[in-house]
C-alpha atoms as a PDB file:
ATOM      1  CA  MET A   1      12.320   0.632  -9.129  1.00  0.00           C
ATOM      2  CA  ILE A   2      13.076  -1.889  -6.340  1.00  0.00           C
ATOM      3  CA  ALA A   3      15.995  -3.967  -7.419  1.00  0.00           C
ATOM      4  CA  GLY A   4      15.014  -3.483 -11.072  1.00  0.00           C
ATOM      5  CA  LYS A   5      11.507  -4.396 -10.397  1.00  0.00           C
ATOM      6  CA  LYS A   6       8.189  -2.163 -10.249  1.00  0.00           C
ATOM      7  CA  ILE A   7       7.043  -0.618  -7.007  1.00  0.00           C
ATOM      8  CA  LYS A   8       3.957  -2.701  -6.487  1.00  0.00           C
ATOM      9  CA  CYS A   9       1.438  -0.203  -4.972  1.00  0.00           C
ATOM     10  CA  ALA A  10      -1.699   0.260  -3.651  1.00  0.00           C
ATOM     11  CA  ILE A  11      -4.200   3.599  -3.963  1.00  0.00           C
ATOM     12  CA  ILE A  12      -6.062   4.417  -0.597  1.00  0.00           C
ATOM     13  CA  GLY A  13      -9.586   6.805  -1.584  1.00  0.00           C
ATOM     14  CA  VAL A  14     -10.273   6.649  -4.942  1.00  0.00           C
ATOM     15  CA  GLY A  15     -12.708   9.850  -5.353  1.00  0.00           C
ATOM     16  CA  HIS A  16     -11.428  12.932  -7.265  1.00  0.00           C
ATOM     17  CA  ILE A  17      -7.783  13.144  -6.597  1.00  0.00           C
ATOM     18  CA  GLY A  18      -7.356   8.882  -5.860  1.00  0.00           C
ATOM     19  CA  ARG A  19      -8.996   8.688  -9.691  1.00  0.00           C
ATOM     20  CA  LEU A  20      -6.091  10.825 -11.114  1.00  0.00           C
ATOM     21  CA  TYR A  21      -3.489   8.940  -8.953  1.00  0.00           C
ATOM     22  CA  ALA A  22      -4.469   5.911  -9.930  1.00  0.00           C
ATOM     23  CA  GLU A  23      -4.652   6.755 -13.892  1.00  0.00           C
ATOM     24  CA  LEU A  24      -0.933   8.515 -13.936  1.00  0.00           C
ATOM     25  CA  VAL A  25       0.379   5.573 -11.350  1.00  0.00           C
ATOM     26  CA  ALA A  26      -1.229   2.854 -14.224  1.00  0.00           C
ATOM     27  CA  GLU A  27       0.683   4.750 -16.921  1.00  0.00           C
ATOM     28  CA  ASN A  28       4.132   4.924 -15.132  1.00  0.00           C
ATOM     29  CA  ALA A  29       6.608   2.704 -15.583  1.00  0.00           C
ATOM     30  CA  ASN A  30       7.803   2.709 -11.957  1.00  0.00           C
ATOM     31  CA  PHE A  31       5.148   1.791 -10.480  1.00  0.00           C
ATOM     32  CA  ASP A  32       2.681  -1.463 -10.791  1.00  0.00           C
ATOM     33  CA  LEU A  33      -0.695  -0.864  -9.402  1.00  0.00           C
ATOM     34  CA  ILE A  34      -1.568  -3.702  -7.552  1.00  0.00           C
ATOM     35  CA  ALA A  35      -4.647  -2.693  -5.296  1.00  0.00           C
ATOM     36  CA  VAL A  36      -7.050   0.185  -4.549  1.00  0.00           C
ATOM     37  CA  CYS A  37      -9.237   0.301  -1.638  1.00  0.00           C
ATOM     38  CA  ASP A  38     -11.834   2.632  -0.818  1.00  0.00           C
ATOM     39  CA  ILE A  39     -14.997   2.582   1.803  1.00  0.00           C
ATOM     40  CA  ASN A  40     -17.697   2.562  -0.846  1.00  0.00           C
ATOM     41  CA  LEU A  41     -17.141  -0.675  -2.327  1.00  0.00           C
ATOM     42  CA  ALA A  42     -18.890  -0.036  -5.107  1.00  0.00           C
ATOM     43  CA  VAL A  43     -16.165   2.607  -6.627  1.00  0.00           C
ATOM     44  CA  ALA A  44     -13.214   0.729  -5.494  1.00  0.00           C
ATOM     45  CA  GLU A  45     -14.812  -2.280  -7.678  1.00  0.00           C
ATOM     46  CA  GLU A  46     -14.969   0.081 -10.642  1.00  0.00           C
ATOM     47  CA  MET A  47     -11.467   1.080 -10.370  1.00  0.00           C
ATOM     48  CA  ALA A  48     -10.552  -2.451 -10.014  1.00  0.00           C
ATOM     49  CA  VAL A  49     -12.098  -3.191 -13.241  1.00  0.00           C
ATOM     50  CA  LEU A  50     -10.689  -0.138 -14.985  1.00  0.00           C
ATOM     51  CA  HIS A  51      -7.274  -0.871 -13.855  1.00  0.00           C
ATOM     52  CA  ASN A  52      -7.151  -4.522 -13.826  1.00  0.00           C
ATOM     53  CA  CYS A  53      -6.193  -4.658 -10.045  1.00  0.00           C
ATOM     54  CA  MET A  54      -7.670  -6.137  -6.536  1.00  0.00           C
ATOM     55  CA  HIS A  55     -10.017  -3.991  -4.730  1.00  0.00           C
ATOM     56  CA  TYR A  56     -10.171  -3.544  -0.782  1.00  0.00           C
ATOM     57  CA  GLN A  57     -12.980  -1.812   1.548  1.00  0.00           C
ATOM     58  CA  ALA A  58     -10.622  -1.961   4.381  1.00  0.00           C
ATOM     59  CA  PHE A  59      -7.074  -0.690   4.832  1.00  0.00           C
ATOM     60  CA  SER A  60      -6.425  -3.185   7.172  1.00  0.00           C
ATOM     61  CA  VAL A  61      -7.462  -6.081   4.897  1.00  0.00           C
ATOM     62  CA  LEU A  62      -5.325  -5.026   2.148  1.00  0.00           C
ATOM     63  CA  VAL A  63      -2.316  -4.644   4.086  1.00  0.00           C
ATOM     64  CA  GLU A  64      -2.594  -8.416   5.459  1.00  0.00           C
ATOM     65  CA  ARG A  65      -3.310  -9.974   2.142  1.00  0.00           C
ATOM     66  CA  GLU A  66      -1.048  -7.874  -0.253  1.00  0.00           C
ATOM     67  CA  LEU A  67       2.850  -7.585  -0.352  1.00  0.00           C
ATOM     68  CA  LEU A  68       3.118  -3.737  -0.813  1.00  0.00           C
ATOM     69  CA  ASP A  69       6.090  -1.390  -1.676  1.00  0.00           C
ATOM     70  CA  ALA A  70       3.761   1.931  -1.361  1.00  0.00           C
ATOM     71  CA  VAL A  71       0.816   3.297  -0.823  1.00  0.00           C
ATOM     72  CA  PHE A  72      -0.833   6.451  -2.200  1.00  0.00           C
ATOM     73  CA  ILE A  73      -3.246   8.330   0.609  1.00  0.00           C
ATOM     74  CA  CYS A  74      -6.011   9.928  -1.105  1.00  0.00           C
ATOM     75  CA  VAL A  75      -8.813  10.570   1.591  1.00  0.00           C
ATOM     76  CA  PRO A  76      -9.889  13.225   3.678  1.00  0.00           C
ATOM     77  CA  PRO A  77      -7.189  14.422   6.180  1.00  0.00           C
ATOM     78  CA  VAL A  78      -9.470  13.068   9.533  1.00  0.00           C
ATOM     79  CA  PHE A  79      -8.052   9.724   8.236  1.00  0.00           C
ATOM     80  CA  HIS A  80      -4.341  10.516   7.342  1.00  0.00           C
ATOM     81  CA  MET A  81      -2.797  10.049  10.731  1.00  0.00           C
ATOM     82  CA  GLU A  82      -4.103   6.280  11.249  1.00  0.00           C
ATOM     83  CA  LEU A  83      -3.230   5.244   7.711  1.00  0.00           C
ATOM     84  CA  VAL A  84       0.272   6.803   7.250  1.00  0.00           C
ATOM     85  CA  ALA A  85       1.006   5.395  10.736  1.00  0.00           C
ATOM     86  CA  SER A  86       0.025   2.141   9.883  1.00  0.00           C
ATOM     87  CA  CYS A  87       2.239   2.148   6.693  1.00  0.00           C
ATOM     88  CA  LEU A  88       5.123   3.286   8.603  1.00  0.00           C
ATOM     89  CA  ARG A  89       5.265   0.591  11.407  1.00  0.00           C
ATOM     90  CA  HIS A  90       4.832  -1.925   8.223  1.00  0.00           C
ATOM     91  CA  ASN A  91       7.656  -0.011   6.190  1.00  0.00           C
ATOM     92  CA  ILE A  92       5.426   0.772   3.385  1.00  0.00           C
ATOM     93  CA  ASN A  93       6.544   3.980   1.397  1.00  0.00           C
ATOM     94  CA  VAL A  94       4.007   6.217   1.396  1.00  0.00           C
ATOM     95  CA  LEU A  95       3.037   9.665  -0.491  1.00  0.00           C
ATOM     96  CA  CYS A  96       0.036  11.568   1.128  1.00  0.00           C
ATOM     97  CA  GLU A  97      -1.796  14.210  -0.168  1.00  0.00           C
ATOM     98  CA  LYS A  98      -1.878  17.368   1.650  1.00  0.00           C
ATOM     99  CA  PRO A  99      -2.902  18.594   4.021  1.00  0.00           C
ATOM    100  CA  LEU A 100      -0.487  16.172   6.237  1.00  0.00           C
ATOM    101  CA  VAL A 101      -2.812  15.727   9.616  1.00  0.00           C
ATOM    102  CA  MET A 102      -5.435  17.275  11.292  1.00  0.00           C
ATOM    103  CA  ASN A 103      -2.839  19.392  13.575  1.00  0.00           C
ATOM    104  CA  SER A 104       0.825  19.836  14.638  1.00  0.00           C
ATOM    105  CA  ALA A 105       0.434  17.166  17.536  1.00  0.00           C
ATOM    106  CA  GLU A 106      -0.204  14.255  14.952  1.00  0.00           C
ATOM    107  CA  GLY A 107       2.501  15.875  12.718  1.00  0.00           C
ATOM    108  CA  MET A 108       4.922  15.176  15.371  1.00  0.00           C
ATOM    109  CA  GLU A 109       3.913  11.677  16.315  1.00  0.00           C
ATOM    110  CA  LEU A 110       4.138  10.969  12.790  1.00  0.00           C
ATOM    111  CA  LEU A 111       7.815  12.593  12.272  1.00  0.00           C
ATOM    112  CA  ARG A 112       8.638  10.386  15.248  1.00  0.00           C
ATOM    113  CA  LEU A 113       7.246   7.539  13.696  1.00  0.00           C
ATOM    114  CA  SER A 114       8.925   8.065  10.578  1.00  0.00           C
ATOM    115  CA  HIS A 115      12.458   8.410  12.314  1.00  0.00           C
ATOM    116  CA  LEU A 116      11.763   4.183  13.052  1.00  0.00           C
ATOM    117  CA  SER A 117      10.824   3.695  10.041  1.00  0.00           C
ATOM    118  CA  SER A 118      12.607   2.300   6.835  1.00  0.00           C
ATOM    119  CA  ALA A 119      10.194   3.588   4.977  1.00  0.00           C
ATOM    120  CA  VAL A 120       9.930   6.824   2.622  1.00  0.00           C
ATOM    121  CA  PHE A 121       7.516   9.002   4.010  1.00  0.00           C
ATOM    122  CA  ALA A 122       6.742  12.502   1.540  1.00  0.00           C
ATOM    123  CA  LEU A 123       4.003  15.084   1.565  1.00  0.00           C
ATOM    124  CA  SER A 124       2.289  15.403  -1.577  1.00  0.00           C
ATOM    125  CA  THR A 125       3.315  18.878  -3.295  1.00  0.00           C
ATOM    126  CA  LYS A 126       2.683  19.297  -6.838  1.00  0.00           C
ATOM    127  CA  PHE A 127       3.596  22.743  -7.529  1.00  0.00           C
ATOM    128  CA  ARG A 128       7.155  22.170  -7.129  1.00  0.00           C
ATOM    129  CA  TYR A 129       7.279  19.848  -9.888  1.00  0.00           C
ATOM    130  CA  VAL A 130       5.537  22.357 -12.047  1.00  0.00           C
ATOM    131  CA  PRO A 131       8.091  23.343 -15.305  1.00  0.00           C
ATOM    132  CA  SER A 132       7.412  27.226 -14.912  1.00  0.00           C
ATOM    133  CA  VAL A 133       7.501  26.981 -11.356  1.00  0.00           C
ATOM    134  CA  THR A 134      11.148  25.767 -11.550  1.00  0.00           C
ATOM    135  CA  LYS A 135      11.856  27.963 -14.192  1.00  0.00           C
ATOM    136  CA  ALA A 136      10.996  30.740 -12.167  1.00  0.00           C
ATOM    137  CA  LYS A 137      13.381  29.646  -9.560  1.00  0.00           C
ATOM    138  CA  LYS A 138      16.279  29.089 -11.950  1.00  0.00           C
ATOM    139  CA  TYR A 139      15.517  32.784 -13.045  1.00  0.00           C
ATOM    140  CA  ILE A 140      15.878  33.691  -9.103  1.00  0.00           C
ATOM    141  CA  GLU A 141      19.171  31.760  -8.687  1.00  0.00           C
ATOM    142  CA  ASP A 142      20.526  33.279 -11.719  1.00  0.00           C
ATOM    143  CA  GLY A 143      19.522  36.787 -10.452  1.00  0.00           C
ATOM    144  CA  VAL A 144      17.558  37.977 -13.338  1.00  0.00           C
ATOM    145  CA  ILE A 145      15.680  39.372 -11.639  1.00  0.00           C
ATOM    146  CA  GLY A 146      17.556  40.778  -8.553  1.00  0.00           C
ATOM    147  CA  ARG A 147      16.636  40.466  -5.244  1.00  0.00           C
ATOM    148  CA  VAL A 148      13.537  39.089  -4.301  1.00  0.00           C
ATOM    149  CA  ILE A 149      11.516  41.807  -2.739  1.00  0.00           C
ATOM    150  CA  SER A 150       7.836  40.076  -2.731  1.00  0.00           C
ATOM    151  CA  ILE A 151       5.683  37.010  -3.370  1.00  0.00           C
ATOM    152  CA  ASP A 152       2.021  37.178  -3.704  1.00  0.00           C
ATOM    153  CA  ILE A 153      -0.027  34.059  -4.156  1.00  0.00           C
ATOM    154  CA  ASN A 154      -3.523  33.689  -5.210  1.00  0.00           C
ATOM    155  CA  PHE A 155      -5.460  30.109  -5.300  1.00  0.00           C
ATOM    156  CA  SER A 156      -8.813  31.327  -5.837  1.00  0.00           C
ATOM    157  CA  SER A 157     -12.007  29.633  -7.527  1.00  0.00           C
ATOM    158  CA  ILE A 158     -15.796  29.752  -7.372  1.00  0.00           C
ATOM    159  CA  ALA A 159     -16.979  26.234  -5.613  1.00  0.00           C
ATOM    160  CA  ASP A 160     -19.629  24.682  -3.631  1.00  0.00           C
ATOM    161  CA  PHE A 161     -18.375  22.619  -1.067  1.00  0.00           C
ATOM    162  CA  SER A 162     -21.455  23.135   1.225  1.00  0.00           C
ATOM    163  CA  SER A 163     -22.434  19.411   1.124  1.00  0.00           C
ATOM    164  CA  ARG A 164     -19.229  17.868   1.034  1.00  0.00           C
ATOM    165  CA  TRP A 165     -16.706  17.079   3.827  1.00  0.00           C
ATOM    166  CA  TYR A 166     -14.400  20.055   3.137  1.00  0.00           C
ATOM    167  CA  SER A 167     -16.999  21.983   4.937  1.00  0.00           C
ATOM    168  CA  ASN A 168     -16.866  19.494   7.877  1.00  0.00           C
ATOM    169  CA  ILE A 169     -14.532  20.789  10.068  1.00  0.00           C
ATOM    170  CA  ASP A 170     -14.216  17.098  11.946  1.00  0.00           C
ATOM    171  CA  VAL A 171     -13.160  15.343   8.756  1.00  0.00           C
ATOM    172  CA  SER A 172     -11.551  18.450   6.889  1.00  0.00           C
ATOM    173  CA  GLY A 173      -9.893  20.338   9.704  1.00  0.00           C
ATOM    174  CA  GLY A 174     -10.566  23.571   8.530  1.00  0.00           C
ATOM    175  CA  GLY A 175     -11.983  25.578   5.483  1.00  0.00           C
ATOM    176  CA  VAL A 176      -9.566  27.061   2.262  1.00  0.00           C
ATOM    177  CA  LEU A 177      -6.776  27.732   4.380  1.00  0.00           C
ATOM    178  CA  PHE A 178      -6.493  23.956   5.556  1.00  0.00           C
ATOM    179  CA  ASP A 179      -7.313  22.750   2.081  1.00  0.00           C
ATOM    180  CA  ASN A 180      -4.853  25.157  -0.338  1.00  0.00           C
ATOM    181  CA  GLY A 181      -2.423  26.664   2.391  1.00  0.00           C
ATOM    182  CA  THR A 182      -0.055  23.674   2.555  1.00  0.00           C
ATOM    183  CA  HIS A 183       0.442  24.332  -1.482  1.00  0.00           C
ATOM    184  CA  ALA A 184       0.764  27.960  -0.769  1.00  0.00           C
ATOM    185  CA  ILE A 185       3.068  27.626   1.849  1.00  0.00           C
ATOM    186  CA  ASP A 186       5.194  25.250   0.187  1.00  0.00           C
ATOM    187  CA  LEU A 187       5.604  27.601  -2.468  1.00  0.00           C
ATOM    188  CA  MET A 188       6.812  30.081  -0.599  1.00  0.00           C
ATOM    189  CA  HIS A 189       9.112  27.157   1.006  1.00  0.00           C
ATOM    190  CA  TYR A 190      10.544  26.140  -2.196  1.00  0.00           C
ATOM    191  CA  PHE A 191      11.349  29.833  -3.765  1.00  0.00           C
ATOM    192  CA  LEU A 192      12.751  31.404  -0.486  1.00  0.00           C
ATOM    193  CA  ASP A 193      13.517  28.573   2.081  1.00  0.00           C
ATOM    194  CA  GLU A 194      11.720  29.506   4.797  1.00  0.00           C
ATOM    195  CA  VAL A 195       7.819  29.462   5.957  1.00  0.00           C
ATOM    196  CA  GLY A 196       8.013  33.169   6.841  1.00  0.00           C
ATOM    197  CA  VAL A 197       6.628  34.822   9.971  1.00  0.00           C
ATOM    198  CA  ILE A 198       2.778  35.579   9.723  1.00  0.00           C
ATOM    199  CA  ASP A 199       1.883  39.169  10.371  1.00  0.00           C
ATOM    200  CA  PHE A 200      -1.833  38.946   9.752  1.00  0.00           C
ATOM    201  CA  CYS A 201      -4.525  36.419   8.789  1.00  0.00           C
ATOM    202  CA  GLU A 202      -8.018  37.431   8.211  1.00  0.00           C
ATOM    203  CA  PHE A 203     -10.905  35.082   7.085  1.00  0.00           C
ATOM    204  CA  GLU A 204     -14.498  35.400   5.538  1.00  0.00           C
ATOM    205  CA  ARG A 205     -17.106  32.433   5.331  1.00  0.00           C
ATOM    206  CA  GLN A 206     -20.052  32.294   2.826  1.00  0.00           C
ATOM    207  CA  ASP A 207     -23.372  32.069   4.665  1.00  0.00           C
ATOM    208  CA  GLY A 208     -23.973  28.605   6.041  1.00  0.00           C
ATOM    209  CA  LEU A 209     -20.819  27.501   5.720  1.00  0.00           C
ATOM    210  CA  GLY A 210     -19.006  25.776   8.756  1.00  0.00           C
ATOM    211  CA  VAL A 211     -15.521  26.877   7.781  1.00  0.00           C
ATOM    212  CA  GLU A 212     -13.661  29.713   6.547  1.00  0.00           C
ATOM    213  CA  SER A 213     -14.214  30.233   2.736  1.00  0.00           C
ATOM    214  CA  THR A 214     -11.630  32.994   2.326  1.00  0.00           C
ATOM    215  CA  ALA A 215      -8.519  33.433   4.040  1.00  0.00           C
ATOM    216  CA  THR A 216      -5.892  36.491   3.393  1.00  0.00           C
ATOM    217  CA  VAL A 217      -2.233  35.836   5.050  1.00  0.00           C
ATOM    218  CA  LYS A 218       0.450  38.291   5.388  1.00  0.00           C
ATOM    219  CA  LEU A 219       4.008  37.428   5.958  1.00  0.00           C
ATOM    220  CA  GLN A 220       7.496  38.477   6.708  1.00  0.00           C
ATOM    221  CA  PHE A 221      10.399  36.785   5.445  1.00  0.00           C
ATOM    222  CA  SER A 222      14.356  37.201   6.201  1.00  0.00           C
ATOM    223  CA  ARG A 223      16.066  39.748   3.885  1.00  0.00           C
ATOM    224  CA  ALA A 224      13.088  42.084   4.149  1.00  0.00           C
ATOM    225  CA  ILE A 225      11.064  40.165   1.884  1.00  0.00           C
ATOM    226  CA  LYS A 226       7.029  40.062   2.074  1.00  0.00           C
ATOM    227  CA  GLY A 227       4.881  37.642   1.479  1.00  0.00           C
ATOM    228  CA  LYS A 228       0.573  37.207   0.574  1.00  0.00           C
ATOM    229  CA  ILE A 229      -1.285  34.364   0.580  1.00  0.00           C
ATOM    230  CA  SER A 230      -4.967  34.477  -0.708  1.00  0.00           C
ATOM    231  CA  LEU A 231      -7.232  31.828  -0.771  1.00  0.00           C
ATOM    232  CA  SER A 232     -10.794  31.298  -1.875  1.00  0.00           C
ATOM    233  CA  TRP A 233     -13.761  29.199  -2.598  1.00  0.00           C
ATOM    234  CA  SER A 234     -16.115  32.097  -2.706  1.00  0.00           C
ATOM    235  CA  LYS A 235     -14.217  34.220  -5.453  1.00  0.00           C
ATOM    236  CA  ALA A 236     -13.204  34.453  -9.250  1.00  0.00           C
ATOM    237  CA  GLY A 237      -9.510  33.169  -9.627  1.00  0.00           C
ATOM    238  CA  LEU A 238      -6.623  35.251 -11.330  1.00  0.00           C
ATOM    239  CA  PRO A 239      -4.829  34.442 -14.572  1.00  0.00           C
ATOM    240  CA  PHE A 240      -1.774  34.763 -12.518  1.00  0.00           C
ATOM    241  CA  TYR A 241      -1.359  32.143  -9.334  1.00  0.00           C
ATOM    242  CA  LEU A 242       2.080  33.784  -8.135  1.00  0.00           C
ATOM    243  CA  THR A 243       3.611  36.772  -8.695  1.00  0.00           C
ATOM    244  CA  ILE A 244       7.454  37.405  -7.607  1.00  0.00           C
ATOM    245  CA  GLN A 245       8.669  40.819  -7.719  1.00  0.00           C
ATOM    246  CA  GLY A 246      12.025  41.539  -8.070  1.00  0.00           C
ATOM    247  CA  GLU A 247      14.294  44.500  -7.738  1.00  0.00           C
ATOM    248  CA  LYS A 248      15.481  44.132 -11.592  1.00  0.00           C
ATOM    249  CA  GLY A 249      12.095  42.398 -12.675  1.00  0.00           C
ATOM    250  CA  CYS A 250       8.672  40.256 -12.344  1.00  0.00           C
ATOM    251  CA  ILE A 251       7.874  36.693 -12.804  1.00  0.00           C
ATOM    252  CA  HIS A 252       3.954  36.214 -13.155  1.00  0.00           C
ATOM    253  CA  LEU A 253       3.457  32.298 -13.112  1.00  0.00           C
ATOM    254  CA  GLY A 254       0.058  31.436 -14.700  1.00  0.00           C
ATOM    255  CA  TRP A 255      -2.397  29.070 -15.328  1.00  0.00           C
ATOM    256  CA  LYS A 256      -2.337  28.856 -19.040  1.00  0.00           C
ATOM    257  CA  LYS A 257       0.740  30.890 -19.865  1.00  0.00           C
ATOM    258  CA  SER A 258       3.336  32.615 -17.423  1.00  0.00           C
ATOM    259  CA  ARG A 259       5.759  35.650 -18.361  1.00  0.00           C
ATOM    260  CA  LEU A 260       9.065  37.521 -17.242  1.00  0.00           C
ATOM    261  CA  LEU A 261       9.555  41.156 -17.249  1.00  0.00           C
ATOM    262  CA  VAL A 262      13.229  42.584 -16.785  1.00  0.00           C
ATOM    263  CA  GLY A 263      13.841  46.039 -16.184  1.00  0.00           C
ATOM    264  CA  GLN A 264      12.484  49.033 -18.118  1.00  0.00           C
ATOM    265  CA  SER A 265      12.051  46.897 -21.366  1.00  0.00           C
ATOM    266  CA  ASP A 266       8.756  46.436 -23.021  1.00  0.00           C
ATOM    267  CA  ASP A 267       9.591  43.174 -23.610  1.00  0.00           C
ATOM    268  CA  VAL A 268       7.668  39.815 -22.230  1.00  0.00           C
ATOM    269  CA  ILE A 269       9.386  36.545 -21.869  1.00  0.00           C
ATOM    270  CA  GLU A 270       6.204  33.999 -22.473  1.00  0.00           C
ATOM    271  CA  PHE A 271       6.538  30.797 -20.977  1.00  0.00           C
ATOM    272  CA  ASP A 272       4.433  27.363 -19.883  1.00  0.00           C
ATOM    273  CA  GLY A 273       1.625  27.229 -17.433  1.00  0.00           C
ATOM    274  CA  TYR A 274       0.429  24.896 -15.279  1.00  0.00           C
ATOM    275  CA  ASP A 275       0.043  21.289 -16.526  1.00  0.00           C
ATOM    276  CA  LYS A 276      -1.583  19.378 -13.320  1.00  0.00           C
ATOM    277  CA  ASN A 277      -1.026  15.833 -15.173  1.00  0.00           C
ATOM    278  CA  GLU A 278       2.650  17.002 -15.967  1.00  0.00           C
ATOM    279  CA  ALA A 279       3.431  18.022 -12.691  1.00  0.00           C
ATOM    280  CA  PHE A 280       1.961  14.838 -10.704  1.00  0.00           C
ATOM    281  CA  THR A 281       3.916  12.722 -13.495  1.00  0.00           C
ATOM    282  CA  SER A 282       7.154  14.068 -12.418  1.00  0.00           C
ATOM    283  CA  MET A 283       6.327  13.988  -8.553  1.00  0.00           C
ATOM    284  CA  LEU A 284       5.621  10.237  -8.817  1.00  0.00           C
ATOM    285  CA  ASP A 285       8.632   9.948 -10.703  1.00  0.00           C
ATOM    286  CA  ASP A 286      11.034  11.523  -7.919  1.00  0.00           C
ATOM    287  CA  PHE A 287       8.895   9.447  -5.489  1.00  0.00           C
ATOM    288  CA  ALA A 288       9.554   6.479  -7.343  1.00  0.00           C
ATOM    289  CA  GLU A 289      13.550   7.737  -7.276  1.00  0.00           C
ATOM    290  CA  THR A 290      13.819   8.288  -3.516  1.00  0.00           C
ATOM    291  CA  ILE A 291      12.160   5.085  -2.787  1.00  0.00           C
ATOM    292  CA  LYS A 292      15.057   3.309  -5.050  1.00  0.00           C
ATOM    293  CA  HIS A 293      18.039   4.711  -3.904  1.00  0.00           C
ATOM    294  CA  GLY A 294      16.695   4.561  -0.259  1.00  0.00           C
ATOM    295  CA  ALA A 295      16.837   8.085   0.481  1.00  0.00           C
ATOM    296  CA  SER A 296      14.376   7.344   3.721  1.00  0.00           C
ATOM    297  CA  LYS A 297      14.167  11.108   4.352  1.00  0.00           C
ATOM    298  CA  CYS A 298      13.771  12.330   1.158  1.00  0.00           C
ATOM    299  CA  GLY A 299      16.976  14.378   1.478  1.00  0.00           C
ATOM    300  CA  ALA A 300      18.133  13.232  -2.228  1.00  0.00           C
ATOM    301  CA  SER A 301      15.073  14.959  -4.236  1.00  0.00           C
ATOM    302  CA  GLN A 302      12.686  17.612  -4.052  1.00  0.00           C
ATOM    303  CA  MET A 303      10.423  15.705  -2.009  1.00  0.00           C
ATOM    304  CA  VAL A 304       9.427  17.374   0.766  1.00  0.00           C
ATOM    305  CA  SER A 305      10.664  15.915   4.117  1.00  0.00           C
ATOM    306  CA  THR A 306       8.712  15.166   7.193  1.00  0.00           C
ATOM    307  CA  LEU A 307      10.355  17.787   8.988  1.00  0.00           C
ATOM    308  CA  VAL A 308       9.481  19.970   6.559  1.00  0.00           C
ATOM    309  CA  ALA A 309       5.800  18.701   6.513  1.00  0.00           C
ATOM    310  CA  THR A 310       5.376  18.880   9.746  1.00  0.00           C
ATOM    311  CA  SER A 311       6.539  22.617  10.087  1.00  0.00           C
ATOM    312  CA  TYR A 312       3.431  22.822   7.682  1.00  0.00           C
ATOM    313  CA  MET A 313       1.295  22.051  10.308  1.00  0.00           C
ATOM    314  CA  ASP A 314       2.731  24.126  12.819  1.00  0.00           C
ATOM    315  CA  TRP A 315       2.345  27.018  10.353  1.00  0.00           C
ATOM    316  CA  LEU A 316      -1.158  26.234   9.605  1.00  0.00           C
ATOM    317  CA  GLU A 317      -2.350  26.362  13.401  1.00  0.00           C
ATOM    318  CA  CYS A 318      -0.253  29.534  13.574  1.00  0.00           C
ATOM    319  CA  ALA A 319      -2.433  31.094  11.008  1.00  0.00           C
ATOM    320  CA  TYR A 320      -5.409  29.843  12.488  1.00  0.00           C
ATOM    321  CA  ARG A 321      -4.535  31.621  16.256  1.00  0.00           C
ATOM    322  CA  LYS A 322      -3.921  34.930  13.898  1.00  0.00           C
ATOM    323  CA  ALA A 323      -7.308  34.943  12.175  1.00  0.00           C
ATOM    324  CA  SER A 324      -9.087  38.261  13.333  1.00  0.00           C
ATOM    325  CA  ASP A 325     -12.498  36.709  12.846  1.00  0.00           C
ATOM    326  CA  ARG A 326     -13.703  36.120  16.762  1.00  0.00           C
ATOM    327  CA  GLU A 327     -16.683  33.496  14.604  1.00  0.00           C
ATOM    328  CA  PHE A 328     -13.635  31.457  14.009  1.00  0.00           C
ATOM    329  CA  SER A 329     -12.519  30.855  17.737  1.00  0.00           C
ATOM    330  CA  ALA A 330     -12.830  27.533  17.450  1.00  0.00           C
ATOM    331  CA  LEU A 331     -10.620  26.845  14.750  1.00  0.00           C
ATOM    332  CA  CYS A 332      -8.145  29.318  16.275  1.00  0.00           C
ATOM    333  CA  ASN A 333      -8.102  27.295  19.438  1.00  0.00           C
ATOM    334  CA  ARG A 334      -8.080  23.735  18.033  1.00  0.00           C
END
C-alpha cells in the first residue's frame, strides 16, 4: 500500500487475461480497482458493472479523469509501447503483460523513460511465482541435484489462433516464440541468472497461419549448461513443462504435479504442480510491496527489472535471426 492506503489501479484491456487480472486484483487487499479500459466499450461496461468501478474506452481520458497509482496493461503487444510510455511520463506504476514491446528499439526507449520516472515498471513473469518453481530453485541452490547439466522447457498446446490477433504479426509482433518465448527465457534466467547464447532456432508453421506455430531453440550457458526451448500451438502438451537435469538428480515441473528424483534411488518426491491464480496473486503482492517500498527499478523484489525485460527483447530478436526457415525472413529482419 502507499502511505497506508490501498493502491488505486486500473486495468487496460479486459479480454481473457485482463478479466483474470480484474478478478484477482479485486480480491487483493493491496489494491482498489477504480477503473477498467477497453476499446470495446460494451466489454468495458460489463466488467465495470461486475467490479463496481468506472469504465473508459480511451486510455488518455482515463488518465485525465482518474488519480491512479498503478496500471495493469493487458492489451496486444503493438499497444504496449504507447501505454507504458504514457504511464512512465505520468509517474504511474505499471505492470505490463508479455512480451514487453514489439522490438528491442522500443524496449530501449522504455528503459530510457524508466530512468526518468519515479514509477515502478515491471514485466509480468508469472512462472517465477509458482511455488513449485521456487521450490525447484531451492533444491538447486541446496545442491540436491548437484551441478546443473541441462534445462529443457516445453510450452505446447493445440490452439487455433488463425482468426485472432496472435496470428497478425503487425499486432502480435510474432508467433508462438513471441507469445511464449518470454516465459521460457525468464525461467532460464530465473534458474541460471543468464539468458544464454542461442545456437539454433527453427520454425514450423500451420497452413494459412501468418506466423510461426512451432519454435525450437537450443542454447548454451556458462558452466557448460545446455538449454532447449520447445514451443507450439499445434502440438499436444506434455505432463511436465520443465526438466532440470543435474549430476546427482533431476527435477520435473508439471502442470498437475512435479517430482524430484535423486541418485540411484527409486524414491520419487512429488510436490505441487502449476496454479495460475496462486502465481498471479503472489506476483500482484510483490508488485504492491515493490510500490510500497519505493523500489522504482524493482531491485528489492522478485520482479523483473526494466533492464532484464529489455534483454528478453534482444534475445527474441536474436532467435528470429537464427531461424533457419526461409519463409520467415521477414520476421528475422524486422
